[in-house]
Amino acid sequence: MANGAAPWELVRLLPNLRLPSVSDDTWTDAVYVTGRETLTLRSTWAAIVPNDDPRLLAFLETHPTGKRLVESFIGPYGQPVAPAALITRQDAPIPRRTDAIAAYRNAVAACFTLRGHAAALTEQPTAGRGAWSDLFDFHPAEVDKGDSIQIHSAALLHMMGKPKQLAFAPSPYVDTVLDLRHCDQELSMLLSKAWHRAYVRRRERLLFRPVFRSLEIAFLAAAIPVKNVGSLYDFGLTVSLWVASLEALLWPVNRSASQENSVRFLSATGLDDRRLEARRFGLKYGSRTVRANYLQKACSLLYRARNAFMHGDAFTARNLQPWPTRPDANLIQVAPIVYRQALLRRLYDFFSKPEATDWADIDSETIASWFTEDVFENALLNAFGLEDLEW
């Protein structure tokens, strides 16, 4: 069968995510090219699409129960809601397992959420930044092969049937708009390669398993901390999850989980601003003192907060806001910067970093990636009060 000829099928709905209609000029705007490619993870086999995408509509024409499900979402005031959908080609060589689909979703989410968290330190509040992973949550209802609706529940196992009326709603906590310009170009390219090797070629799944296991934890860490109405304990758990995602990522390198090993891995920041490479901090490990750069210092602060929370010590706002001169900066915003730099370096262990190109060869995507890098660097500079200092 020729590429593109196979029909597509609905895999999961993402009710918290609103995407522009296919008729919207956004999809043809060159400025949004990176975001559009990230929603497909640069794949011909899968995509996250608006609910009026022709491939999804073709599936719904032959699956009336699926059509009823897609049309069943309403907002808090009863208004219709158009959820986004994750679709795959029916002949896709992707394992029909949750881990492959979740790995796809987690990779797409990371390309927006990590940048969105960092941008909160340097930009005014902006709709559509996509900082919280809840934006990409799967809805528990899906259409099975028998055209029935299954509602999966950890408490009830699952419910199955063909109800005549359905009413579902997205999360009330989430800003459902995603501006496709807020995308991490460099990370998108690398995670696309990793996912295809692990789940499409399926030859190196074990090699990349720590990466995608780490992204699963990071997806939870990037969720809105509202289990206890945004209490200190919510934020303490969030920091703990960021540390766990870092340790899962680095386990094959370190062979153990410890602050010292994680800090050592970040000795080279991968950032361009030379101020951030300066080893201006002393970190004590037993009788030894290690000189550390700003990224390593941020990592040590994450561990300190995690340890205070997990070990039952006193846990206060100072644990989350360790910079007295920067009360607007907190570890919830800085943790994704530390994690992102570790993730990039780990991925470059598998994929060679492109050489610097001639100015004549630089395209819009390269420029976009530079701007994204600036977001992370400026956020870290801001947290440490360095944004106004010259080298």
Protein backbone atom coordinates (compact mmCIF):
# COMPACT_ATOMS: atom_id res chain seq x y z
CA MET A 1 0.00 0.00 0.00
CA ALA A 2 1.38 3.42 -0.95
CA ASN A 3 2.49 5.75 1.80
CA GLY A 4 -0.45 7.83 2.98
CA ALA A 5 -3.10 5.55 1.41
CA ALA A 6 -3.96 3.55 4.53
CA PRO A 7 -6.90 4.78 6.63
CA TRP A 8 -6.34 6.29 10.04
CA GLU A 9 -7.97 5.41 13.34
CA LEU A 10 -8.73 7.19 16.57
CA VAL A 11 -6.51 6.03 19.43
CA ARG A 12 -7.13 8.53 22.21
CA LEU A 13 -8.88 11.83 22.80
CA LEU A 14 -7.11 14.73 24.51
CA PRO A 15 -10.06 16.76 25.82
CA ASN A 16 -7.94 19.42 27.56
CA LEU A 17 -6.21 20.37 24.32
CA ARG A 18 -7.74 22.77 21.79
CA LEU A 19 -6.10 23.03 18.40
CA PRO A 20 -7.02 25.43 15.60
CA SER A 21 -9.50 24.15 13.06
CA VAL A 22 -7.92 22.65 9.93
CA SER A 23 -9.28 25.64 8.02
CA ASP A 24 -7.37 28.05 10.27
CA ASP A 25 -4.43 29.88 8.67
CA THR A 26 -2.25 28.74 11.59
CA TRP A 27 -1.60 25.42 9.87
CA THR A 28 -0.18 27.11 6.78
CA ASP A 29 1.83 29.76 8.64
CA ALA A 30 5.57 29.09 8.35
CA VAL A 31 6.10 30.47 11.87
CA TYR A 32 4.29 27.45 13.28
CA VAL A 33 6.23 24.82 11.34
CA THR A 34 8.08 23.48 14.39
CA GLY A 35 4.92 23.10 16.46
CA ARG A 36 3.09 21.37 13.61
CA GLU A 37 5.93 18.89 13.15
CA THR A 38 6.12 18.24 16.88
CA LEU A 39 2.42 17.32 17.04
CA THR A 40 3.25 14.51 14.61
CA LEU A 41 6.66 13.87 16.23
CA ARG A 42 7.87 14.15 12.62
CA SER A 43 6.19 10.85 11.87
CA THR A 44 4.06 9.60 8.98
CA TRP A 45 2.45 7.05 11.29
CA ALA A 46 0.86 9.12 14.05
CA ALA A 47 -0.36 12.63 14.77
CA ILE A 48 -2.21 14.79 17.28
CA VAL A 49 -4.90 16.64 15.33
CA PRO A 50 -7.96 18.88 15.76
CA ASN A 51 -11.27 17.03 15.73
CA ASP A 52 -12.14 18.22 12.23
CA ASP A 53 -9.04 16.68 10.67
CA PRO A 54 -10.12 14.81 7.46
CA ARG A 55 -8.33 11.61 8.57
CA LEU A 56 -10.25 11.56 11.83
CA LEU A 57 -13.53 12.45 10.13
CA ALA A 58 -13.09 9.54 7.70
CA PHE A 59 -12.73 7.17 10.66
CA LEU A 60 -15.79 8.61 12.41
CA GLU A 61 -17.94 8.14 9.30
CA THR A 62 -17.61 4.38 9.68
CA HIS A 63 -17.63 4.38 13.49
CA PRO A 64 -20.81 6.15 14.67
CA THR A 65 -20.06 5.36 18.32
CA GLY A 66 -16.72 7.10 17.97
CA LYS A 67 -18.46 10.10 16.41
CA ARG A 68 -20.85 10.23 19.37
CA LEU A 69 -17.89 10.11 21.74
CA VAL A 70 -16.03 12.94 20.01
CA GLU A 71 -19.15 15.11 20.03
CA SER A 72 -19.98 14.43 23.69
CA PHE A 73 -17.65 16.97 25.33
CA ILE A 74 -19.04 20.12 26.91
CA GLY A 75 -17.56 23.03 28.83
CA PRO A 76 -18.51 24.24 32.33
CA TYR A 77 -21.43 26.25 30.93
CA GLY A 78 -22.72 23.56 28.60
CA GLN A 79 -21.00 24.86 25.49
CA PRO A 80 -19.68 22.29 22.97
CA VAL A 81 -15.99 21.45 23.27
CA ALA A 82 -13.85 20.17 20.41
CA PRO A 83 -11.18 17.84 21.85
CA ALA A 84 -7.95 17.10 20.02
CA ALA A 85 -7.26 13.50 19.05
CA LEU A 86 -4.28 11.20 18.75
CA ILE A 87 -4.62 9.16 15.57
CA THR A 88 -2.47 6.49 13.92
CA ARG A 89 -2.45 4.87 10.52
CA GLN A 90 -4.03 1.44 10.59
CA ASP A 91 -0.97 -0.09 8.93
CA ALA A 92 1.45 1.65 11.28
CA PRO A 93 4.27 -0.60 12.54
CA ILE A 94 3.66 0.67 16.08
CA PRO A 95 2.97 -1.86 18.83
CA ARG A 96 -0.66 -1.69 19.94
CA ARG A 97 0.43 -1.13 23.50
CA THR A 98 -0.13 1.72 25.88
CA ASP A 99 3.59 2.29 26.41
CA ALA A 100 4.25 3.12 22.74
CA ILE A 101 1.35 5.59 22.58
CA ALA A 102 2.16 7.11 25.97
CA ALA A 103 5.81 7.48 24.96
CA TYR A 104 4.66 9.37 21.85
CA ARG A 105 2.40 11.65 23.89
CA ASN A 106 5.04 12.25 26.57
CA ALA A 107 7.64 13.21 23.97
CA VAL A 108 5.27 15.69 22.32
CA ALA A 109 4.31 17.17 25.69
CA ALA A 110 7.94 17.60 26.80
CA CYS A 111 8.63 19.77 23.76
CA PHE A 112 6.11 22.30 25.09
CA THR A 113 5.95 21.90 28.87
CA LEU A 114 9.67 22.27 29.64
CA ARG A 115 9.91 25.49 27.66
CA GLY A 116 6.61 26.72 29.09
CA HIS A 117 7.83 26.34 32.67
CA ALA A 118 11.09 28.15 31.95
CA ALA A 119 9.33 30.96 30.10
CA ALA A 120 7.36 31.79 33.25
CA LEU A 121 10.58 33.26 34.67
CA THR A 122 11.23 35.61 31.77
CA GLU A 123 7.92 36.41 30.09
CA GLN A 124 4.65 38.00 31.07
CA PRO A 125 1.76 35.55 31.46
CA THR A 126 0.93 34.37 27.98
CA ALA A 127 -2.02 32.21 26.95
CA GLY A 128 -1.06 29.10 25.05
CA ARG A 129 2.40 28.57 26.49
CA GLY A 130 1.53 24.96 27.35
CA ALA A 131 3.50 24.71 30.59
CA TRP A 132 1.35 22.02 32.21
CA SER A 133 1.26 18.43 31.00
CA ASP A 134 -2.45 18.11 31.89
CA LEU A 135 -3.00 19.72 28.50
CA PHE A 136 -2.02 16.36 26.95
CA ASP A 137 -3.94 14.04 29.28
CA PHE A 138 -5.69 11.10 27.64
CA HIS A 139 -9.41 10.74 28.25
CA PRO A 140 -10.29 7.35 29.78
CA ALA A 141 -12.98 6.64 27.16
CA GLU A 142 -12.04 4.99 23.89
CA VAL A 143 -13.72 3.15 21.01
CA ASP A 144 -12.87 -0.56 20.83
CA LYS A 145 -12.83 -2.88 17.83
CA GLY A 146 -16.49 -3.73 18.35
CA ASP A 147 -17.46 -0.04 18.09
CA SER A 148 -18.30 0.03 21.79
CA ILE A 149 -17.09 2.67 24.22
CA GLN A 150 -14.77 1.52 26.96
CA ILE A 151 -14.22 3.79 29.94
CA HIS A 152 -11.05 2.71 31.71
CA SER A 153 -10.84 3.30 35.43
CA ALA A 154 -8.20 2.19 37.90
CA ALA A 155 -10.98 1.82 40.47
CA LEU A 156 -13.56 0.02 38.32
CA LEU A 157 -11.14 -1.67 35.88
CA HIS A 158 -13.35 -0.63 32.98
CA MET A 159 -16.91 -0.09 31.82
CA MET A 160 -18.09 -0.99 28.35
CA GLY A 161 -21.25 -0.29 26.43
CA LYS A 162 -23.02 1.66 23.70
CA PRO A 163 -24.85 4.44 25.56
CA LYS A 164 -27.25 6.65 23.64
CA GLN A 165 -26.20 9.79 25.51
CA LEU A 166 -22.78 10.82 26.69
CA ALA A 167 -21.52 13.91 28.50
CA PHE A 168 -17.84 14.40 29.24
CA ALA A 169 -15.88 17.47 30.25
CA PRO A 170 -12.23 18.58 30.16
CA SER A 171 -10.34 19.44 33.33
CA PRO A 172 -11.41 22.78 34.85
CA TYR A 173 -7.79 23.52 35.86
CA VAL A 174 -6.22 23.63 32.41
CA ASP A 175 -5.62 26.48 29.97
CA THR A 176 -6.74 24.52 26.93
CA VAL A 177 -5.12 26.75 24.28
CA LEU A 178 -1.75 25.71 22.85
CA ASP A 179 0.23 28.25 20.84
CA LEU A 180 2.31 26.15 18.45
CA ARG A 181 5.10 28.74 18.46
CA HIS A 182 6.06 27.76 22.03
CA CYS A 183 7.91 24.63 20.98
CA ASP A 184 11.40 23.29 21.71
CA GLN A 185 12.83 22.67 18.23
CA GLU A 186 16.04 20.91 19.29
CA LEU A 187 14.31 18.57 21.71
CA SER A 188 11.58 17.82 19.18
CA MET A 189 14.07 16.57 16.60
CA LEU A 190 15.93 14.38 19.08
CA LEU A 191 12.86 12.82 20.69
CA SER A 192 11.44 12.10 17.25
CA LYS A 193 14.54 10.07 16.40
CA ALA A 194 14.46 8.28 19.75
CA TRP A 195 10.77 7.34 19.50
CA HIS A 196 11.09 6.04 15.96
CA ARG A 197 14.06 3.88 16.88
CA ALA A 198 12.38 2.50 19.97
CA TYR A 199 8.79 2.02 18.80
CA VAL A 200 8.69 2.03 14.99
CA ARG A 201 11.91 0.20 14.13
CA ARG A 202 11.66 -1.62 17.47
CA ARG A 203 15.32 -2.61 17.41
CA GLU A 204 16.54 -0.36 20.19
CA ARG A 205 13.61 -0.23 22.59
CA LEU A 206 15.68 -1.41 25.55
CA LEU A 207 18.39 1.15 24.76
CA PHE A 208 15.92 4.03 24.92
CA ARG A 209 13.74 2.63 27.70
CA PRO A 210 15.37 4.81 30.42
CA VAL A 211 14.70 7.92 28.31
CA PHE A 212 11.01 7.19 27.88
CA ARG A 213 10.62 5.92 31.44
CA SER A 214 12.09 9.24 32.56
CA LEU A 215 9.72 11.17 30.30
CA GLU A 216 6.78 9.33 31.87
CA ILE A 217 7.83 10.59 35.30
CA ALA A 218 8.51 14.07 33.91
CA PHE A 219 4.98 14.11 32.46
CA LEU A 220 3.63 13.63 35.99
CA ALA A 221 6.05 16.21 37.38
CA ALA A 222 4.83 18.81 34.88
CA ALA A 223 1.18 18.40 35.91
CA ILE A 224 -0.66 21.17 37.71
CA PRO A 225 -0.05 20.60 41.47
CA VAL A 226 -3.64 20.69 42.71
CA LYS A 227 -4.13 17.38 44.54
CA ASN A 228 -4.17 19.38 47.78
CA VAL A 229 -5.39 22.66 46.26
CA GLY A 230 -1.87 23.85 45.50
CA SER A 231 -0.44 23.33 48.98
CA LEU A 232 3.26 23.20 49.86
CA TYR A 233 2.95 19.42 49.86
CA ASP A 234 1.77 19.46 46.25
CA PHE A 235 4.88 21.41 45.30
CA GLY A 236 7.11 19.18 47.41
CA LEU A 237 5.81 16.15 45.53
CA THR A 238 6.35 17.94 42.22
CA VAL A 239 10.01 18.63 43.03
CA SER A 240 10.42 15.00 44.12
CA LEU A 241 9.07 13.82 40.78
CA TRP A 242 11.49 16.06 38.87
CA VAL A 243 14.40 14.55 40.79
CA ALA A 244 13.04 11.05 40.13
CA SER A 245 12.78 11.77 36.40
CA LEU A 246 16.39 12.97 36.39
CA GLU A 247 17.63 9.86 38.20
CA ALA A 248 15.67 7.53 35.90
CA LEU A 249 17.22 9.26 32.90
CA LEU A 250 20.77 9.03 34.22
CA TRP A 251 20.66 5.55 35.74
CA PRO A 252 22.41 3.86 32.77
CA VAL A 253 25.22 6.42 33.05
CA ASN A 254 25.55 6.64 36.83
CA ARG A 255 24.51 3.07 37.79
CA SER A 256 23.21 4.57 41.02
CA ALA A 257 20.86 7.32 42.12
CA SER A 258 22.60 10.08 44.02
CA GLN A 259 22.88 13.84 44.08
CA GLU A 260 26.62 13.75 43.49
CA ASN A 261 26.30 11.65 40.35
CA SER A 262 23.50 13.80 38.94
CA VAL A 263 25.48 16.97 39.66
CA ARG A 264 28.58 15.52 38.05
CA PHE A 265 26.66 14.73 34.86
CA LEU A 266 25.75 18.43 34.56
CA SER A 267 29.35 19.66 34.72
CA ALA A 268 28.99 20.81 31.11
CA THR A 269 25.77 22.82 30.88
CA GLY A 270 25.37 22.80 27.11
CA LEU A 271 24.26 26.43 27.39
CA ASP A 272 25.88 29.24 25.42
CA ASP A 273 26.03 31.97 28.07
CA ARG A 274 29.48 31.71 29.65
CA ARG A 275 28.22 33.15 32.94
CA LEU A 276 26.32 29.94 33.55
CA GLU A 277 29.49 27.84 33.13
CA ALA A 278 31.31 29.69 35.94
CA ARG A 279 32.03 27.38 38.88
CA ARG A 280 31.13 29.80 41.62
CA PHE A 281 29.62 27.36 44.12
CA GLY A 282 31.09 24.82 46.46
CA LEU A 283 29.04 21.67 47.05
CA LYS A 284 30.08 19.39 49.90
CA TYR A 285 29.91 15.61 49.59
CA GLY A 286 31.32 14.06 52.71
CA SER A 287 34.79 15.49 53.24
CA ARG A 288 35.07 16.70 49.64
CA THR A 289 34.03 20.01 48.12
CA VAL A 290 33.10 20.08 44.44
CA ARG A 291 33.16 23.33 42.47
CA ALA A 292 29.86 23.73 40.65
CA ASN A 293 28.33 25.87 37.91
CA TYR A 294 24.87 27.43 38.07
CA LEU A 295 23.08 24.45 36.55
CA GLN A 296 24.75 22.11 39.03
CA LYS A 297 23.83 24.44 41.89
CA ALA A 298 20.19 24.43 40.74
CA CYS A 299 20.32 20.63 40.68
CA SER A 300 21.64 20.54 44.24
CA LEU A 301 18.82 22.83 45.38
CA LEU A 302 16.31 20.42 43.87
CA TYR A 303 17.83 17.56 45.81
CA ARG A 304 17.85 19.59 49.01
CA ALA A 305 14.14 20.38 48.66
CA ARG A 306 13.32 16.79 47.65
CA ASN A 307 15.19 15.39 50.64
CA ALA A 308 13.49 17.77 53.06
CA PHE A 309 10.07 16.78 51.73
CA MET A 310 10.63 13.02 51.35
CA HIS A 311 12.55 12.54 54.58
CA GLY A 312 9.96 14.24 56.78
CA ASP A 313 12.01 17.33 57.60
CA ALA A 314 10.49 20.77 57.98
CA PHE A 315 9.29 21.89 54.54
CA THR A 316 8.59 25.58 53.96
CA ALA A 317 8.27 28.06 51.12
CA ARG A 318 12.01 28.73 51.47
CA ASN A 319 12.68 25.20 50.23
CA LEU A 320 10.84 26.07 47.02
CA GLN A 321 12.10 29.65 46.75
CA PRO A 322 15.79 29.47 47.74
CA TRP A 323 16.71 32.81 46.16
CA PRO A 324 15.89 35.59 48.68
CA THR A 325 16.48 38.34 46.12
CA ARG A 326 14.23 36.63 43.55
CA PRO A 327 10.93 35.83 45.31
CA ASP A 328 9.27 35.33 41.92
CA ALA A 329 11.62 32.45 41.05
CA ASN A 330 10.96 28.95 42.37
CA LEU A 331 12.17 25.42 41.85
CA ILE A 332 9.00 24.40 40.02
CA GLN A 333 10.13 26.69 37.18
CA VAL A 334 13.84 25.84 37.42
CA ALA A 335 13.52 22.03 37.67
CA PRO A 336 12.48 21.66 33.99
CA ILE A 337 15.59 23.65 32.94
CA VAL A 338 17.86 21.24 34.79
CA TYR A 339 15.97 18.25 33.42
CA ARG A 340 15.94 19.54 29.86
CA GLN A 341 19.70 20.07 29.77
CA ALA A 342 20.31 16.58 31.16
CA LEU A 343 17.86 15.14 28.62
CA LEU A 344 19.55 16.90 25.70
CA ARG A 345 22.99 15.72 26.74
CA ARG A 346 21.71 12.15 27.19
CA LEU A 347 20.06 12.15 23.77
CA TYR A 348 23.27 13.42 22.18
CA ASP A 349 24.91 10.28 23.52
CA PHE A 350 22.84 8.49 20.87
CA PHE A 351 22.68 11.09 18.11
CA SER A 352 25.53 13.24 16.88
CA LYS A 353 25.16 16.97 17.40
CA PRO A 354 24.97 18.83 14.07
CA GLU A 355 27.98 20.89 13.15
CA ALA A 356 27.67 24.66 13.01
CA THR A 357 26.43 25.62 9.58
CA ASP A 358 27.45 28.43 7.29
CA TRP A 359 25.37 31.58 7.71
CA ALA A 360 24.00 31.09 4.22
CA ASP A 361 22.53 27.72 5.26
CA ILE A 362 20.74 28.86 8.40
CA ASP A 363 16.98 28.43 8.10
CA SER A 364 13.99 29.56 10.14
CA GLU A 365 14.01 26.38 12.26
CA THR A 366 17.60 27.00 13.32
CA ILE A 367 16.76 30.55 14.32
CA ALA A 368 13.73 29.29 16.25
CA SER A 369 15.94 26.84 18.16
CA TRP A 370 18.30 29.68 19.12
CA PHE A 371 15.37 31.65 20.50
CA THR A 372 14.24 28.63 22.51
CA GLU A 373 17.75 28.24 23.93
CA ASP A 374 17.62 31.87 25.01
CA VAL A 375 14.42 31.19 26.94
CA PHE A 376 16.12 28.52 29.07
CA GLU A 377 19.32 30.51 29.57
CA ASN A 378 17.52 33.72 30.50
CA ALA A 379 15.28 31.85 32.92
CA LEU A 380 18.28 30.42 34.78
CA LEU A 381 20.03 33.80 34.75
CA ASN A 382 16.88 35.38 36.16
CA ALA A 383 16.58 32.85 38.99
CA PHE A 384 20.12 33.56 40.14
CA GLY A 385 19.83 37.32 39.65
CA LEU A 386 22.34 37.47 36.78
CA GLU A 387 20.17 38.80 33.97
CA ASP A 388 21.37 42.37 34.44
CA LEU A 389 25.05 41.56 34.97
CA GLU A 390 27.59 41.71 32.16
CA TRP A 391 30.39 39.23 31.81
